[in-house]
Amino acid sequence: MTRALDGSTIAAITAGHVPYLFFVQMDFSQPLRVCSAGYDIDWNGATWVGLGTLGSIEPIQEQASLEAIGVRLTLSGVPTDLIAITLGEQYQGRPCQIWFVPLREDLQLAGQPVRIFSGRMDTMDTEVGETATITVSAESRMVSWDKARSRRFNNEDQQSRYPGDRGFEFVPQMVDRQLLWGR
């Protein structure tokens, strides 16, 4: 996948020593936003909780073919008050995103973070102690490529997706209607 990088990001990653950060967002009812910094960072209109270290992120692969690619990441040191969100909600199929950004010498962002993964959460294991560890497996959106879509051309299905739309309201009346053409 081709990505556009700004000049400051290119300059930072071609330097001799490159400090960097990862941002991870998991969308529960209240998004869980964490980063690999040892301090909280304000970026993209939100405050990202600094964990100091994220734990681990499996190497993220990219394919030129239409193939589902997943990632497994471990977030360690998550404050226990943020864990209540993850334990009490349905998480499968919810968005999960990972960004990467190099840092300047003063440990500030060297450019705009680059999204390196965007997918949906699949499985999650949580270990709770003084701090918590979350291990999440996420799949790219391509995993649903082969799934059959169960859409119907009827009013009920249309109303579930677009309430108030009357486009299929009279379809049942037209099923057995005799139409005479050419008179």
N, C-alpha and C. Protein backbone atom coordinates (compact mmCIF):
# COMPACT_ATOMS: atom_id res chain seq x y z
N MET A 1 0.84 -1.17 0.00
CA MET A 1 0.00 0.00 0.00
C MET A 1 0.89 1.23 0.00
N THR A 2 0.61 2.17 -0.86
CA THR A 2 1.37 3.39 -0.94
C THR A 2 0.85 4.37 0.09
N ARG A 3 1.77 5.00 0.81
CA ARG A 3 1.39 6.00 1.81
C ARG A 3 2.10 7.30 1.50
N ALA A 4 1.40 8.39 1.71
CA ALA A 4 2.02 9.70 1.54
C ALA A 4 2.62 10.12 2.88
N LEU A 5 3.91 10.42 2.88
CA LEU A 5 4.59 10.86 4.09
C LEU A 5 5.00 12.31 3.90
N ASP A 6 4.83 13.10 4.97
CA ASP A 6 5.26 14.49 4.87
C ASP A 6 6.77 14.57 5.02
N GLY A 7 7.34 15.71 4.63
CA GLY A 7 8.80 15.88 4.61
C GLY A 7 9.45 15.70 5.97
N SER A 8 8.80 16.18 7.04
CA SER A 8 9.40 16.04 8.37
C SER A 8 9.46 14.58 8.81
N THR A 9 8.47 13.78 8.43
CA THR A 9 8.49 12.36 8.76
C THR A 9 9.60 11.65 8.01
N ILE A 10 9.76 11.96 6.74
CA ILE A 10 10.82 11.34 5.94
C ILE A 10 12.19 11.70 6.51
N ALA A 11 12.39 12.96 6.87
CA ALA A 11 13.67 13.38 7.44
C ALA A 11 13.94 12.67 8.76
N ALA A 12 12.91 12.48 9.58
CA ALA A 12 13.09 11.85 10.88
C ALA A 12 13.44 10.37 10.75
N ILE A 13 12.81 9.66 9.82
CA ILE A 13 13.08 8.23 9.72
C ILE A 13 14.37 7.91 8.98
N THR A 14 14.93 8.89 8.28
CA THR A 14 16.21 8.64 7.62
C THR A 14 17.39 9.07 8.48
N ALA A 15 17.13 9.58 9.67
CA ALA A 15 18.21 9.98 10.58
C ALA A 15 18.88 8.74 11.16
N GLY A 16 20.02 8.94 11.83
CA GLY A 16 20.79 7.82 12.38
C GLY A 16 20.08 7.10 13.51
N HIS A 17 19.54 7.84 14.47
CA HIS A 17 18.82 7.25 15.60
C HIS A 17 17.40 7.77 15.56
N VAL A 18 16.43 6.87 15.55
CA VAL A 18 15.04 7.28 15.38
C VAL A 18 14.19 6.83 16.57
N PRO A 19 13.96 7.72 17.54
CA PRO A 19 12.97 7.38 18.57
C PRO A 19 11.58 7.46 17.93
N TYR A 20 10.65 6.65 18.40
CA TYR A 20 9.33 6.60 17.78
C TYR A 20 8.27 6.27 18.80
N LEU A 21 7.03 6.42 18.39
CA LEU A 21 5.85 6.11 19.20
C LEU A 21 4.86 5.30 18.39
N PHE A 22 4.09 4.51 19.11
CA PHE A 22 2.92 3.87 18.53
C PHE A 22 1.69 4.41 19.24
N PHE A 23 0.64 4.68 18.49
CA PHE A 23 -0.66 5.02 19.03
C PHE A 23 -1.60 3.86 18.72
N VAL A 24 -2.39 3.43 19.71
CA VAL A 24 -3.36 2.36 19.51
C VAL A 24 -4.71 2.85 19.99
N GLN A 25 -5.72 2.67 19.14
CA GLN A 25 -7.09 3.03 19.52
C GLN A 25 -7.98 1.82 19.31
N MET A 26 -8.72 1.46 20.36
CA MET A 26 -9.72 0.40 20.29
C MET A 26 -11.06 1.03 20.63
N ASP A 27 -12.01 0.91 19.73
CA ASP A 27 -13.29 1.60 19.87
C ASP A 27 -14.30 0.77 20.65
N PHE A 28 -14.36 1.01 21.94
CA PHE A 28 -15.43 0.50 22.78
C PHE A 28 -16.46 1.62 22.85
N SER A 29 -17.43 1.56 23.78
CA SER A 29 -18.39 2.67 23.89
C SER A 29 -17.65 3.96 24.23
N GLN A 30 -16.56 3.82 24.98
CA GLN A 30 -15.63 4.93 25.22
C GLN A 30 -14.30 4.48 24.63
N PRO A 31 -13.82 5.12 23.56
CA PRO A 31 -12.59 4.64 22.91
C PRO A 31 -11.42 4.55 23.89
N LEU A 32 -10.68 3.44 23.80
CA LEU A 32 -9.47 3.25 24.58
C LEU A 32 -8.31 3.72 23.71
N ARG A 33 -7.67 4.82 24.11
CA ARG A 33 -6.57 5.41 23.34
C ARG A 33 -5.31 5.37 24.19
N VAL A 34 -4.31 4.62 23.74
CA VAL A 34 -3.05 4.51 24.47
C VAL A 34 -1.89 4.73 23.51
N CYS A 35 -0.73 5.09 24.07
CA CYS A 35 0.47 5.27 23.26
C CYS A 35 1.66 4.70 24.00
N SER A 36 2.76 4.54 23.30
CA SER A 36 3.95 3.93 23.89
C SER A 36 4.86 4.93 24.58
N ALA A 37 4.42 6.15 24.75
CA ALA A 37 5.22 7.16 25.48
C ALA A 37 5.09 6.92 26.97
N GLY A 38 6.00 7.46 27.74
CA GLY A 38 5.94 7.37 29.19
C GLY A 38 5.09 8.46 29.80
N TYR A 39 4.39 9.21 28.98
CA TYR A 39 3.58 10.34 29.42
C TYR A 39 2.39 10.46 28.47
N ASP A 40 1.33 11.12 28.91
CA ASP A 40 0.15 11.31 28.07
C ASP A 40 0.46 12.30 26.95
N ILE A 41 -0.13 12.07 25.79
CA ILE A 41 0.09 12.93 24.63
C ILE A 41 -1.26 13.36 24.07
N ASP A 42 -1.37 14.64 23.74
CA ASP A 42 -2.55 15.15 23.05
C ASP A 42 -2.29 15.12 21.56
N TRP A 43 -3.12 14.35 20.84
CA TRP A 43 -2.99 14.27 19.39
C TRP A 43 -4.36 13.95 18.81
N ASN A 44 -4.65 14.52 17.69
CA ASN A 44 -5.86 14.24 16.93
C ASN A 44 -7.12 14.55 17.75
N GLY A 45 -7.06 15.59 18.57
CA GLY A 45 -8.21 16.01 19.35
C GLY A 45 -8.53 15.15 20.56
N ALA A 46 -7.59 14.29 20.97
CA ALA A 46 -7.83 13.42 22.13
C ALA A 46 -6.54 13.29 22.93
N THR A 47 -6.69 12.88 24.19
CA THR A 47 -5.53 12.61 25.03
C THR A 47 -5.28 11.11 25.02
N TRP A 48 -4.06 10.73 24.66
CA TRP A 48 -3.65 9.34 24.57
C TRP A 48 -2.86 9.00 25.82
N VAL A 49 -3.31 7.97 26.54
CA VAL A 49 -2.68 7.57 27.80
C VAL A 49 -1.33 6.93 27.50
N GLY A 50 -0.29 7.49 28.10
CA GLY A 50 1.06 6.95 27.91
C GLY A 50 1.30 5.76 28.82
N LEU A 51 1.58 4.60 28.23
CA LEU A 51 1.83 3.39 29.00
C LEU A 51 3.31 3.16 29.25
N GLY A 52 4.16 3.93 28.60
CA GLY A 52 5.60 3.72 28.74
C GLY A 52 6.10 2.69 27.75
N THR A 53 5.42 1.61 27.67
CA THR A 53 5.69 0.59 26.67
C THR A 53 4.37 -0.08 26.37
N LEU A 54 4.12 -0.39 25.15
CA LEU A 54 2.85 -1.02 24.81
C LEU A 54 2.85 -2.50 25.12
N GLY A 55 3.98 -3.09 25.29
CA GLY A 55 4.06 -4.54 25.42
C GLY A 55 4.68 -5.07 24.15
N SER A 56 3.83 -5.47 23.20
CA SER A 56 4.37 -5.95 21.93
C SER A 56 3.31 -5.82 20.84
N ILE A 57 3.80 -5.65 19.63
CA ILE A 57 2.97 -5.66 18.43
C ILE A 57 3.65 -6.60 17.46
N GLU A 58 2.91 -7.60 17.01
CA GLU A 58 3.47 -8.50 16.01
C GLU A 58 3.81 -7.70 14.75
N PRO A 59 4.77 -8.17 13.98
CA PRO A 59 5.05 -7.47 12.72
C PRO A 59 3.79 -7.39 11.85
N ILE A 60 3.54 -6.20 11.34
CA ILE A 60 2.35 -5.98 10.52
C ILE A 60 2.75 -6.19 9.07
N GLN A 61 2.04 -7.09 8.42
CA GLN A 61 2.36 -7.43 7.04
C GLN A 61 1.36 -6.76 6.11
N GLU A 62 1.82 -6.48 4.92
CA GLU A 62 0.95 -5.96 3.88
C GLU A 62 1.02 -6.88 2.68
N GLN A 63 -0.10 -7.06 2.03
CA GLN A 63 -0.17 -7.93 0.86
C GLN A 63 -0.71 -7.13 -0.31
N ALA A 64 -0.20 -7.42 -1.49
CA ALA A 64 -0.74 -6.79 -2.69
C ALA A 64 -2.00 -7.51 -3.15
N SER A 65 -2.16 -8.78 -2.72
CA SER A 65 -3.33 -9.55 -3.11
C SER A 65 -4.49 -9.28 -2.16
N LEU A 66 -5.66 -9.73 -2.54
CA LEU A 66 -6.84 -9.59 -1.69
C LEU A 66 -6.82 -10.69 -0.65
N GLU A 67 -6.14 -10.42 0.45
CA GLU A 67 -5.94 -11.42 1.49
C GLU A 67 -6.10 -10.75 2.85
N ALA A 68 -6.78 -11.42 3.76
CA ALA A 68 -6.99 -10.88 5.10
C ALA A 68 -5.71 -11.03 5.92
N ILE A 69 -5.26 -9.93 6.50
CA ILE A 69 -4.07 -9.91 7.34
C ILE A 69 -4.48 -9.46 8.73
N GLY A 70 -3.99 -10.14 9.73
CA GLY A 70 -4.31 -9.78 11.10
C GLY A 70 -3.08 -9.33 11.85
N VAL A 71 -3.30 -8.86 13.06
CA VAL A 71 -2.22 -8.44 13.93
C VAL A 71 -2.59 -8.84 15.35
N ARG A 72 -1.59 -9.14 16.15
CA ARG A 72 -1.79 -9.46 17.55
C ARG A 72 -0.95 -8.47 18.35
N LEU A 73 -1.59 -7.78 19.30
CA LEU A 73 -0.85 -6.81 20.09
C LEU A 73 -1.15 -7.01 21.56
N THR A 74 -0.16 -6.72 22.38
CA THR A 74 -0.29 -6.83 23.82
C THR A 74 -0.06 -5.46 24.41
N LEU A 75 -1.03 -4.99 25.17
CA LEU A 75 -0.92 -3.71 25.87
C LEU A 75 -0.69 -4.03 27.34
N SER A 76 0.48 -3.65 27.86
CA SER A 76 0.77 -3.90 29.26
C SER A 76 0.84 -2.58 30.01
N GLY A 77 0.53 -2.62 31.29
CA GLY A 77 0.55 -1.42 32.10
C GLY A 77 -0.69 -0.57 31.97
N VAL A 78 -1.78 -1.15 31.48
CA VAL A 78 -3.02 -0.39 31.31
C VAL A 78 -3.63 -0.15 32.70
N PRO A 79 -3.95 1.09 33.03
CA PRO A 79 -4.59 1.37 34.33
C PRO A 79 -5.90 0.59 34.48
N THR A 80 -6.15 0.09 35.69
CA THR A 80 -7.31 -0.77 35.90
C THR A 80 -8.64 -0.05 35.67
N ASP A 81 -8.69 1.27 35.82
CA ASP A 81 -9.95 1.97 35.56
C ASP A 81 -10.34 1.92 34.08
N LEU A 82 -9.35 1.78 33.19
CA LEU A 82 -9.65 1.64 31.76
C LEU A 82 -10.06 0.22 31.40
N ILE A 83 -9.72 -0.74 32.25
CA ILE A 83 -10.03 -2.14 31.97
C ILE A 83 -11.52 -2.43 32.11
N ALA A 84 -12.20 -1.72 33.00
CA ALA A 84 -13.63 -1.94 33.19
C ALA A 84 -14.39 -1.81 31.87
N ILE A 85 -13.93 -0.91 31.02
CA ILE A 85 -14.55 -0.72 29.71
C ILE A 85 -14.42 -2.00 28.88
N THR A 86 -13.23 -2.58 28.87
CA THR A 86 -12.97 -3.75 28.02
C THR A 86 -13.65 -5.01 28.53
N LEU A 87 -13.85 -5.13 29.83
CA LEU A 87 -14.43 -6.35 30.39
C LEU A 87 -15.95 -6.40 30.26
N GLY A 88 -16.60 -5.25 30.23
CA GLY A 88 -18.05 -5.25 30.28
C GLY A 88 -18.75 -5.07 28.96
N GLU A 89 -18.04 -5.07 27.85
CA GLU A 89 -18.68 -4.78 26.57
C GLU A 89 -18.39 -5.84 25.51
N GLN A 90 -19.27 -5.88 24.54
CA GLN A 90 -19.04 -6.69 23.36
C GLN A 90 -18.01 -5.98 22.49
N TYR A 91 -16.92 -6.64 22.20
CA TYR A 91 -15.83 -5.98 21.47
C TYR A 91 -15.62 -6.54 20.07
N GLN A 92 -16.08 -7.75 19.79
CA GLN A 92 -15.80 -8.34 18.48
C GLN A 92 -16.43 -7.52 17.37
N GLY A 93 -15.63 -7.26 16.36
CA GLY A 93 -16.08 -6.49 15.21
C GLY A 93 -15.91 -4.98 15.37
N ARG A 94 -15.48 -4.54 16.54
CA ARG A 94 -15.28 -3.11 16.75
C ARG A 94 -13.92 -2.69 16.17
N PRO A 95 -13.81 -1.44 15.73
CA PRO A 95 -12.57 -0.96 15.10
C PRO A 95 -11.36 -0.95 16.04
N CYS A 96 -10.21 -1.24 15.45
CA CYS A 96 -8.91 -1.18 16.13
C CYS A 96 -7.92 -0.57 15.13
N GLN A 97 -7.19 0.46 15.56
CA GLN A 97 -6.25 1.13 14.67
C GLN A 97 -4.91 1.32 15.36
N ILE A 98 -3.84 1.28 14.57
CA ILE A 98 -2.48 1.48 15.08
C ILE A 98 -1.80 2.51 14.19
N TRP A 99 -1.15 3.50 14.82
CA TRP A 99 -0.38 4.53 14.11
C TRP A 99 1.07 4.47 14.57
N PHE A 100 1.96 4.91 13.69
CA PHE A 100 3.39 5.00 13.98
C PHE A 100 3.84 6.42 13.68
N VAL A 101 4.72 6.97 14.55
CA VAL A 101 5.26 8.30 14.28
C VAL A 101 6.67 8.39 14.85
N PRO A 102 7.63 8.89 14.07
CA PRO A 102 8.96 9.15 14.63
C PRO A 102 8.93 10.40 15.50
N LEU A 103 9.90 10.51 16.39
CA LEU A 103 9.99 11.66 17.30
C LEU A 103 11.22 12.49 16.98
N ARG A 104 11.15 13.77 17.31
CA ARG A 104 12.31 14.65 17.20
C ARG A 104 13.21 14.41 18.41
N GLU A 105 14.33 15.11 18.47
CA GLU A 105 15.25 14.97 19.59
C GLU A 105 14.64 15.40 20.91
N ASP A 106 13.69 16.35 20.87
CA ASP A 106 13.03 16.80 22.10
C ASP A 106 11.82 15.93 22.46
N LEU A 107 11.70 14.77 21.80
CA LEU A 107 10.66 13.76 22.02
C LEU A 107 9.25 14.27 21.72
N GLN A 108 9.14 15.19 20.79
CA GLN A 108 7.86 15.63 20.27
C GLN A 108 7.64 14.98 18.91
N LEU A 109 6.40 14.93 18.46
CA LEU A 109 6.08 14.29 17.19
C LEU A 109 6.82 14.97 16.05
N ALA A 110 7.46 14.18 15.20
CA ALA A 110 8.25 14.72 14.09
C ALA A 110 7.41 14.95 12.84
N GLY A 111 6.18 14.58 12.87
CA GLY A 111 5.30 14.76 11.72
C GLY A 111 3.94 14.20 12.07
N GLN A 112 3.15 13.98 11.05
CA GLN A 112 1.84 13.37 11.28
C GLN A 112 2.00 11.86 11.41
N PRO A 113 1.38 11.24 12.42
CA PRO A 113 1.43 9.78 12.54
C PRO A 113 0.85 9.09 11.30
N VAL A 114 1.43 7.95 10.96
CA VAL A 114 1.02 7.18 9.79
C VAL A 114 0.26 5.96 10.28
N ARG A 115 -0.96 5.78 9.79
CA ARG A 115 -1.74 4.60 10.19
C ARG A 115 -1.14 3.38 9.52
N ILE A 116 -0.73 2.41 10.34
CA ILE A 116 -0.11 1.21 9.79
C ILE A 116 -1.04 0.00 9.87
N PHE A 117 -2.15 0.12 10.61
CA PHE A 117 -3.12 -0.96 10.64
C PHE A 117 -4.49 -0.40 10.97
N SER A 118 -5.50 -0.88 10.27
CA SER A 118 -6.88 -0.56 10.56
C SER A 118 -7.69 -1.82 10.34
N GLY A 119 -8.35 -2.27 11.39
CA GLY A 119 -9.10 -3.50 11.28
C GLY A 119 -10.17 -3.59 12.35
N ARG A 120 -10.56 -4.81 12.65
CA ARG A 120 -11.62 -5.07 13.63
C ARG A 120 -11.12 -6.05 14.67
N MET A 121 -11.47 -5.78 15.94
CA MET A 121 -11.05 -6.67 17.03
C MET A 121 -11.73 -8.02 16.88
N ASP A 122 -10.98 -9.08 17.16
CA ASP A 122 -11.50 -10.43 17.04
C ASP A 122 -11.55 -11.11 18.41
N THR A 123 -10.40 -11.35 19.02
CA THR A 123 -10.35 -11.98 20.33
C THR A 123 -9.55 -11.11 21.28
N MET A 124 -9.85 -11.25 22.58
CA MET A 124 -9.15 -10.44 23.57
C MET A 124 -9.02 -11.24 24.87
N ASP A 125 -7.81 -11.23 25.43
CA ASP A 125 -7.55 -11.81 26.74
C ASP A 125 -7.11 -10.68 27.65
N THR A 126 -7.63 -10.67 28.88
CA THR A 126 -7.29 -9.63 29.83
C THR A 126 -6.80 -10.24 31.13
N GLU A 127 -5.66 -9.77 31.61
CA GLU A 127 -5.12 -10.18 32.90
C GLU A 127 -5.11 -8.94 33.79
N VAL A 128 -5.72 -9.05 34.97
CA VAL A 128 -5.84 -7.88 35.84
C VAL A 128 -5.05 -8.12 37.12
N GLY A 129 -4.26 -7.14 37.51
CA GLY A 129 -3.51 -7.11 38.76
C GLY A 129 -3.47 -5.66 39.20
N GLU A 130 -2.30 -5.18 39.65
CA GLU A 130 -2.17 -3.75 39.96
C GLU A 130 -2.36 -2.93 38.69
N THR A 131 -1.77 -3.42 37.63
CA THR A 131 -2.07 -2.89 36.30
C THR A 131 -2.57 -4.08 35.49
N ALA A 132 -3.03 -3.80 34.30
CA ALA A 132 -3.62 -4.87 33.50
C ALA A 132 -2.86 -5.06 32.21
N THR A 133 -3.01 -6.25 31.66
CA THR A 133 -2.44 -6.58 30.36
C THR A 133 -3.57 -7.05 29.46
N ILE A 134 -3.68 -6.46 28.29
CA ILE A 134 -4.69 -6.83 27.31
C ILE A 134 -3.98 -7.38 26.09
N THR A 135 -4.37 -8.56 25.65
CA THR A 135 -3.85 -9.12 24.40
C THR A 135 -5.01 -9.19 23.42
N VAL A 136 -4.86 -8.50 22.30
CA VAL A 136 -5.92 -8.38 21.31
C VAL A 136 -5.46 -8.94 19.98
N SER A 137 -6.32 -9.73 19.36
CA SER A 137 -6.11 -10.14 17.98
C SER A 137 -7.10 -9.35 17.13
N ALA A 138 -6.60 -8.72 16.10
CA ALA A 138 -7.46 -7.93 15.21
C ALA A 138 -7.26 -8.41 13.78
N GLU A 139 -8.31 -8.36 13.01
CA GLU A 139 -8.29 -8.78 11.61
C GLU A 139 -8.57 -7.58 10.73
N SER A 140 -7.98 -7.59 9.54
CA SER A 140 -8.27 -6.52 8.60
C SER A 140 -9.71 -6.68 8.11
N ARG A 141 -10.22 -5.65 7.49
CA ARG A 141 -11.60 -5.69 6.99
C ARG A 141 -11.77 -6.70 5.87
N MET A 142 -10.69 -7.16 5.30
CA MET A 142 -10.77 -8.14 4.21
C MET A 142 -11.27 -9.50 4.70
N VAL A 143 -11.28 -9.73 6.01
CA VAL A 143 -11.73 -11.01 6.54
C VAL A 143 -13.21 -11.23 6.21
N SER A 144 -13.98 -10.16 6.02
CA SER A 144 -15.41 -10.30 5.69
C SER A 144 -15.67 -10.31 4.19
N TRP A 145 -14.63 -10.34 3.38
CA TRP A 145 -14.77 -10.30 1.92
C TRP A 145 -15.62 -11.45 1.40
N ASP A 146 -15.41 -12.65 1.92
CA ASP A 146 -16.12 -13.83 1.41
C ASP A 146 -17.47 -14.07 2.08
N LYS A 147 -17.83 -13.31 3.09
CA LYS A 147 -19.09 -13.53 3.79
C LYS A 147 -20.26 -13.08 2.92
N ALA A 148 -21.31 -13.89 2.93
CA ALA A 148 -22.50 -13.55 2.17
C ALA A 148 -23.22 -12.39 2.85
N ARG A 149 -23.74 -11.51 2.07
CA ARG A 149 -24.52 -10.40 2.58
C ARG A 149 -25.99 -10.81 2.60
N SER A 150 -26.67 -10.56 3.66
CA SER A 150 -28.07 -10.95 3.76
C SER A 150 -28.96 -9.72 3.66
N ARG A 151 -28.90 -9.07 2.53
CA ARG A 151 -29.76 -7.92 2.26
C ARG A 151 -30.95 -8.40 1.43
N ARG A 152 -32.09 -7.80 1.66
CA ARG A 152 -33.30 -8.13 0.94
C ARG A 152 -33.82 -6.87 0.26
N PHE A 153 -34.52 -7.04 -0.84
CA PHE A 153 -35.14 -5.92 -1.52
C PHE A 153 -36.59 -5.81 -1.06
N ASN A 154 -36.76 -5.47 0.24
CA ASN A 154 -38.10 -5.28 0.79
C ASN A 154 -38.08 -4.07 1.71
N ASN A 155 -39.28 -3.63 2.10
CA ASN A 155 -39.41 -2.42 2.89
C ASN A 155 -38.79 -2.57 4.28
N GLU A 156 -38.93 -3.75 4.90
CA GLU A 156 -38.40 -3.95 6.25
C GLU A 156 -36.88 -3.80 6.27
N ASP A 157 -36.22 -4.40 5.32
CA ASP A 157 -34.76 -4.31 5.26
C ASP A 157 -34.32 -2.87 4.97
N GLN A 158 -35.03 -2.21 4.08
CA GLN A 158 -34.69 -0.82 3.76
C GLN A 158 -34.91 0.09 4.97
N GLN A 159 -35.97 -0.13 5.74
CA GLN A 159 -36.23 0.68 6.93
C GLN A 159 -35.19 0.45 8.01
N SER A 160 -34.66 -0.77 8.11
CA SER A 160 -33.64 -1.05 9.12
C SER A 160 -32.36 -0.28 8.82
N ARG A 161 -32.08 -0.05 7.56
CA ARG A 161 -30.86 0.66 7.19
C ARG A 161 -31.09 2.16 7.00
N TYR A 162 -32.23 2.52 6.40
CA TYR A 162 -32.54 3.93 6.12
C TYR A 162 -33.96 4.24 6.60
N PRO A 163 -34.15 4.51 7.89
CA PRO A 163 -35.50 4.78 8.41
C PRO A 163 -36.13 5.97 7.69
N GLY A 164 -37.39 5.79 7.33
CA GLY A 164 -38.13 6.86 6.66
C GLY A 164 -38.07 6.80 5.14
N ASP A 165 -37.17 5.99 4.57
CA ASP A 165 -37.07 5.86 3.12
C ASP A 165 -38.25 5.04 2.62
N ARG A 166 -38.98 5.53 1.62
CA ARG A 166 -40.19 4.85 1.14
C ARG A 166 -39.96 4.15 -0.20
N GLY A 167 -38.71 3.93 -0.58
CA GLY A 167 -38.39 3.36 -1.89
C GLY A 167 -38.92 1.96 -2.14
N PHE A 168 -39.07 1.13 -1.11
CA PHE A 168 -39.55 -0.24 -1.28
C PHE A 168 -40.93 -0.45 -0.66
N GLU A 169 -41.62 0.63 -0.34
CA GLU A 169 -42.90 0.54 0.36
C GLU A 169 -43.96 -0.23 -0.44
N PHE A 170 -44.01 -0.10 -1.75
CA PHE A 170 -45.07 -0.71 -2.55
C PHE A 170 -44.61 -1.96 -3.30
N VAL A 171 -43.46 -2.48 -2.99
CA VAL A 171 -42.95 -3.67 -3.67
C VAL A 171 -43.88 -4.87 -3.48
N PRO A 172 -44.41 -5.16 -2.26
CA PRO A 172 -45.29 -6.32 -2.12
C PRO A 172 -46.53 -6.26 -3.02
N GLN A 173 -47.06 -5.07 -3.29
CA GLN A 173 -48.23 -4.94 -4.16
C GLN A 173 -47.89 -5.23 -5.61
N MET A 174 -46.63 -5.09 -5.97
CA MET A 174 -46.23 -5.26 -7.37
C MET A 174 -45.88 -6.70 -7.74
N VAL A 175 -45.82 -7.59 -6.76
CA VAL A 175 -45.36 -8.95 -7.02
C VAL A 175 -46.26 -9.67 -8.01
N ASP A 176 -47.56 -9.67 -7.80
CA ASP A 176 -48.49 -10.40 -8.67
C ASP A 176 -49.27 -9.49 -9.61
N ARG A 177 -48.86 -8.26 -9.77
CA ARG A 177 -49.56 -7.29 -10.61
C ARG A 177 -49.34 -7.63 -12.08
N GLN A 178 -50.43 -7.63 -12.86
CA GLN A 178 -50.35 -7.85 -14.29
C GLN A 178 -50.18 -6.50 -14.98
N LEU A 179 -49.14 -6.33 -15.72
CA LEU A 179 -48.90 -5.09 -16.45
C LEU A 179 -49.08 -5.36 -17.94
N LEU A 180 -49.87 -4.56 -18.58
CA LEU A 180 -50.09 -4.70 -20.01
C LEU A 180 -49.31 -3.62 -20.74
N TRP A 181 -48.46 -4.04 -21.62
CA TRP A 181 -47.59 -3.11 -22.35
C TRP A 181 -48.04 -3.02 -23.81
N GLY A 182 -47.89 -1.86 -24.37
CA GLY A 182 -48.06 -1.68 -25.81
C GLY A 182 -49.49 -1.50 -26.28
N ARG A 183 -50.43 -1.12 -25.50
CA ARG A 183 -51.79 -0.90 -25.97
C ARG A 183 -52.04 0.48 -26.39
